[in-house]
Amino acid sequence: MATTAHAPLSLDKPLPGFIPGDLAWHLGMILRGHQTHFAQAVEEMPCSVRGYQMLSTVVHHDPANQQALGAHLGIDRTVLTYLIDDLVEAGLVERVPAPTDRRARKIVATEQGTELLTRLESRVAAAEQTLLAELDAAESAQLAGLVSKLSMAIHRAQPGANPCEAMDHLG
């Protein structure tokens, strides 16, 4: 199986097809569009998008404890406590002793939380399809792969970065 080498970008030339700075504008527009569709899809979720992201992380990534949940999402522990309190009050998650450290708490989804997440995931998927309507299936798959690759590289380089802060600064 042959591999193809990618030519490195030249640092003295702008990105192909972009005026320097255009990338930020394009990413900002995509984030705004996504945020609008995402927020509408999860409007019944306590704490809106952050609540959805927390519940999704609890269900799909099973963080070992509350601290690991906050680290994964890049949410400060004081803010995290309030968000978890809201989800507990809504009956979507509960705090249980962490199996590896009785002093720590693990956040687990309740049956009600899992059912809500399943419903909302369908809405989020539909919202994302709406956002990507201008792309064909191959382009959507390519974009998803490239965005995932780039975001994980950034996450590795800046593990404590909070993606919610980027959205907060778009205004």
Protein backbone atom coordinates (compact mmCIF):
# COMPACT_ATOMS: atom_id res chain seq x y z
CA MET A 1 0.00 0.00 0.00
CA ALA A 2 1.57 3.28 -1.09
CA THR A 3 1.38 6.34 1.08
CA THR A 4 1.24 9.85 -0.22
CA ALA A 5 3.34 12.52 1.40
CA HIS A 6 1.78 15.88 2.03
CA ALA A 7 3.88 18.87 1.04
CA PRO A 8 4.38 21.15 4.02
CA LEU A 9 2.77 24.55 3.85
CA SER A 10 5.13 27.35 3.00
CA LEU A 11 5.22 29.83 5.86
CA ASP A 12 5.95 32.74 3.51
CA LYS A 13 2.78 32.27 1.45
CA PRO A 14 -0.88 32.59 2.46
CA LEU A 15 -3.13 29.55 2.58
CA PRO A 16 -4.30 28.64 -0.93
CA GLY A 17 -7.56 30.44 -1.68
CA PHE A 18 -7.38 32.64 1.43
CA ILE A 19 -6.36 36.19 2.09
CA PRO A 20 -4.39 36.12 5.37
CA GLY A 21 -6.99 36.32 8.14
CA ASP A 22 -9.85 34.85 6.07
CA LEU A 23 -9.52 31.49 7.80
CA ALA A 24 -10.60 33.11 11.09
CA TRP A 25 -13.64 34.66 9.43
CA HIS A 26 -14.67 31.37 7.82
CA LEU A 27 -14.22 29.41 11.06
CA GLY A 28 -16.16 32.07 12.95
CA MET A 29 -19.07 31.87 10.50
CA ILE A 30 -19.13 28.08 10.75
CA LEU A 31 -19.07 28.26 14.56
CA ARG A 32 -21.88 30.82 14.60
CA GLY A 33 -24.01 28.68 12.31
CA HIS A 34 -23.30 25.57 14.32
CA GLN A 35 -24.00 27.30 17.64
CA THR A 36 -27.36 28.56 16.38
CA HIS A 37 -28.48 25.15 15.10
CA PHE A 38 -27.02 23.31 18.12
CA ALA A 39 -28.69 25.59 20.67
CA GLN A 40 -32.06 25.17 18.95
CA ALA A 41 -31.66 21.38 18.88
CA VAL A 42 -30.94 21.18 22.63
CA GLU A 43 -33.18 24.00 23.86
CA GLU A 44 -34.99 21.72 26.34
CA MET A 45 -31.68 20.70 27.96
CA PRO A 46 -30.84 22.35 31.29
CA CYS A 47 -27.73 24.52 30.76
CA SER A 48 -28.29 24.34 26.99
CA VAL A 49 -25.22 23.34 24.97
CA ARG A 50 -22.94 22.94 27.98
CA GLY A 51 -25.48 20.67 29.66
CA TYR A 52 -25.72 18.57 26.52
CA GLN A 53 -21.94 18.35 26.23
CA MET A 54 -21.65 17.30 29.87
CA LEU A 55 -24.32 14.62 29.56
CA SER A 56 -22.84 13.35 26.29
CA THR A 57 -19.37 13.17 27.86
CA VAL A 58 -20.71 11.28 30.89
CA VAL A 59 -22.48 8.75 28.67
CA HIS A 60 -19.96 8.32 25.86
CA HIS A 61 -16.60 8.91 27.57
CA ASP A 62 -17.35 7.70 31.11
CA PRO A 63 -14.90 10.03 32.93
CA ALA A 64 -13.47 8.49 36.12
CA ASN A 65 -14.60 11.34 38.35
CA GLN A 66 -15.92 14.88 38.44
CA GLN A 67 -12.41 16.31 38.00
CA ALA A 68 -11.84 14.23 34.85
CA LEU A 69 -15.18 15.43 33.47
CA GLY A 70 -14.17 19.05 33.98
CA ALA A 71 -10.74 18.46 32.46
CA HIS A 72 -12.23 16.79 29.38
CA LEU A 73 -14.61 19.69 28.79
CA GLY A 74 -12.18 22.42 29.84
CA ILE A 75 -14.64 23.73 32.43
CA ASP A 76 -13.44 25.34 35.67
CA ARG A 77 -14.33 23.22 38.71
CA THR A 78 -16.44 25.94 40.35
CA VAL A 79 -18.54 26.38 37.20
CA LEU A 80 -18.63 22.60 36.76
CA THR A 81 -20.17 22.16 40.21
CA TYR A 82 -23.06 24.49 39.35
CA LEU A 83 -23.65 22.78 36.01
CA ILE A 84 -23.69 19.34 37.63
CA ASP A 85 -26.04 20.64 40.33
CA ASP A 86 -28.48 21.76 37.60
CA LEU A 87 -28.32 18.37 35.87
CA VAL A 88 -28.77 16.53 39.18
CA GLU A 89 -31.76 18.73 40.03
CA ALA A 90 -33.28 17.92 36.63
CA GLY A 91 -32.84 14.18 37.32
CA LEU A 92 -30.44 13.66 34.40
CA VAL A 93 -27.28 12.68 36.31
CA GLU A 94 -26.28 11.68 39.80
CA ARG A 95 -23.12 11.80 41.84
CA VAL A 96 -21.84 8.46 43.10
CA PRO A 97 -18.61 7.58 44.89
CA ALA A 98 -15.80 7.06 42.37
CA PRO A 99 -14.76 3.39 42.34
CA THR A 100 -11.05 4.28 42.54
CA ASP A 101 -11.34 6.96 45.25
CA ARG A 102 -14.23 7.09 47.70
CA ARG A 103 -13.47 10.77 48.39
CA ALA A 104 -14.08 11.67 44.74
CA ARG A 105 -17.42 11.67 42.95
CA LYS A 106 -18.20 10.10 39.59
CA ILE A 107 -21.02 11.59 37.54
CA VAL A 108 -23.33 9.01 35.97
CA ALA A 109 -26.38 9.45 33.78
CA THR A 110 -29.76 8.42 35.06
CA GLU A 111 -32.19 6.50 32.86
CA GLN A 112 -34.02 9.79 32.27
CA GLY A 113 -30.72 11.43 31.28
CA THR A 114 -29.84 8.65 28.84
CA GLU A 115 -33.30 8.83 27.24
CA LEU A 116 -33.06 12.61 26.86
CA LEU A 117 -29.59 12.36 25.36
CA THR A 118 -30.80 9.82 22.80
CA ARG A 119 -33.62 12.18 21.72
CA LEU A 120 -31.33 15.19 21.60
CA GLU A 121 -28.61 13.35 19.66
CA SER A 122 -31.13 12.81 16.85
CA ARG A 123 -31.93 16.53 16.84
CA VAL A 124 -28.25 17.49 16.94
CA ALA A 125 -27.49 15.13 14.04
CA ALA A 126 -30.30 16.73 12.03
CA ALA A 127 -29.01 20.22 12.91
CA GLU A 128 -25.52 19.27 11.78
CA GLN A 129 -26.92 17.89 8.51
CA THR A 130 -28.72 21.19 7.98
CA LEU A 131 -25.48 23.07 8.59
CA LEU A 132 -23.66 20.87 6.06
CA ALA A 133 -26.45 20.94 3.44
CA GLU A 134 -24.21 22.71 0.91
CA LEU A 135 -21.75 19.80 0.97
CA ASP A 136 -22.22 16.39 -0.63
CA ALA A 137 -21.68 13.21 1.41
CA ALA A 138 -18.01 12.85 0.43
CA GLU A 139 -17.29 16.51 1.25
CA SER A 140 -19.08 16.19 4.61
CA ALA A 141 -17.04 13.10 5.49
CA GLN A 142 -13.81 14.79 4.42
CA LEU A 143 -14.61 17.90 6.44
CA ALA A 144 -15.47 15.82 9.51
CA GLY A 145 -12.19 13.93 9.26
CA LEU A 146 -10.09 17.04 8.77
CA VAL A 147 -11.82 19.02 11.53
CA SER A 148 -11.41 16.08 13.92
CA LYS A 149 -7.72 15.70 13.07
CA LEU A 150 -7.01 19.41 13.49
CA SER A 151 -9.02 19.82 16.70
CA MET A 152 -7.35 16.82 18.34
CA ALA A 153 -3.91 18.20 17.43
CA ILE A 154 -4.85 21.51 19.03
CA HIS A 155 -6.29 19.71 22.07
CA ARG A 156 -3.02 17.78 22.51
CA ALA A 157 -1.02 21.02 22.27
CA GLN A 158 -3.41 22.92 24.58
CA PRO A 159 -5.09 20.26 26.77
CA GLY A 160 -6.70 22.77 29.14
CA ALA A 161 -8.21 24.90 26.38
CA ASN A 162 -11.93 25.54 26.75
CA PRO A 163 -13.76 25.43 23.39
CA CYS A 164 -16.72 27.24 24.97
CA GLU A 165 -14.50 30.30 25.52
CA ALA A 166 -13.85 30.51 21.79
CA MET A 167 -17.61 30.73 21.24
CA ASP A 168 -17.95 33.36 23.95
CA HIS A 169 -15.45 35.61 22.14
CA LEU A 170 -17.14 35.51 18.74
CA GLY A 171 -19.50 38.37 19.61
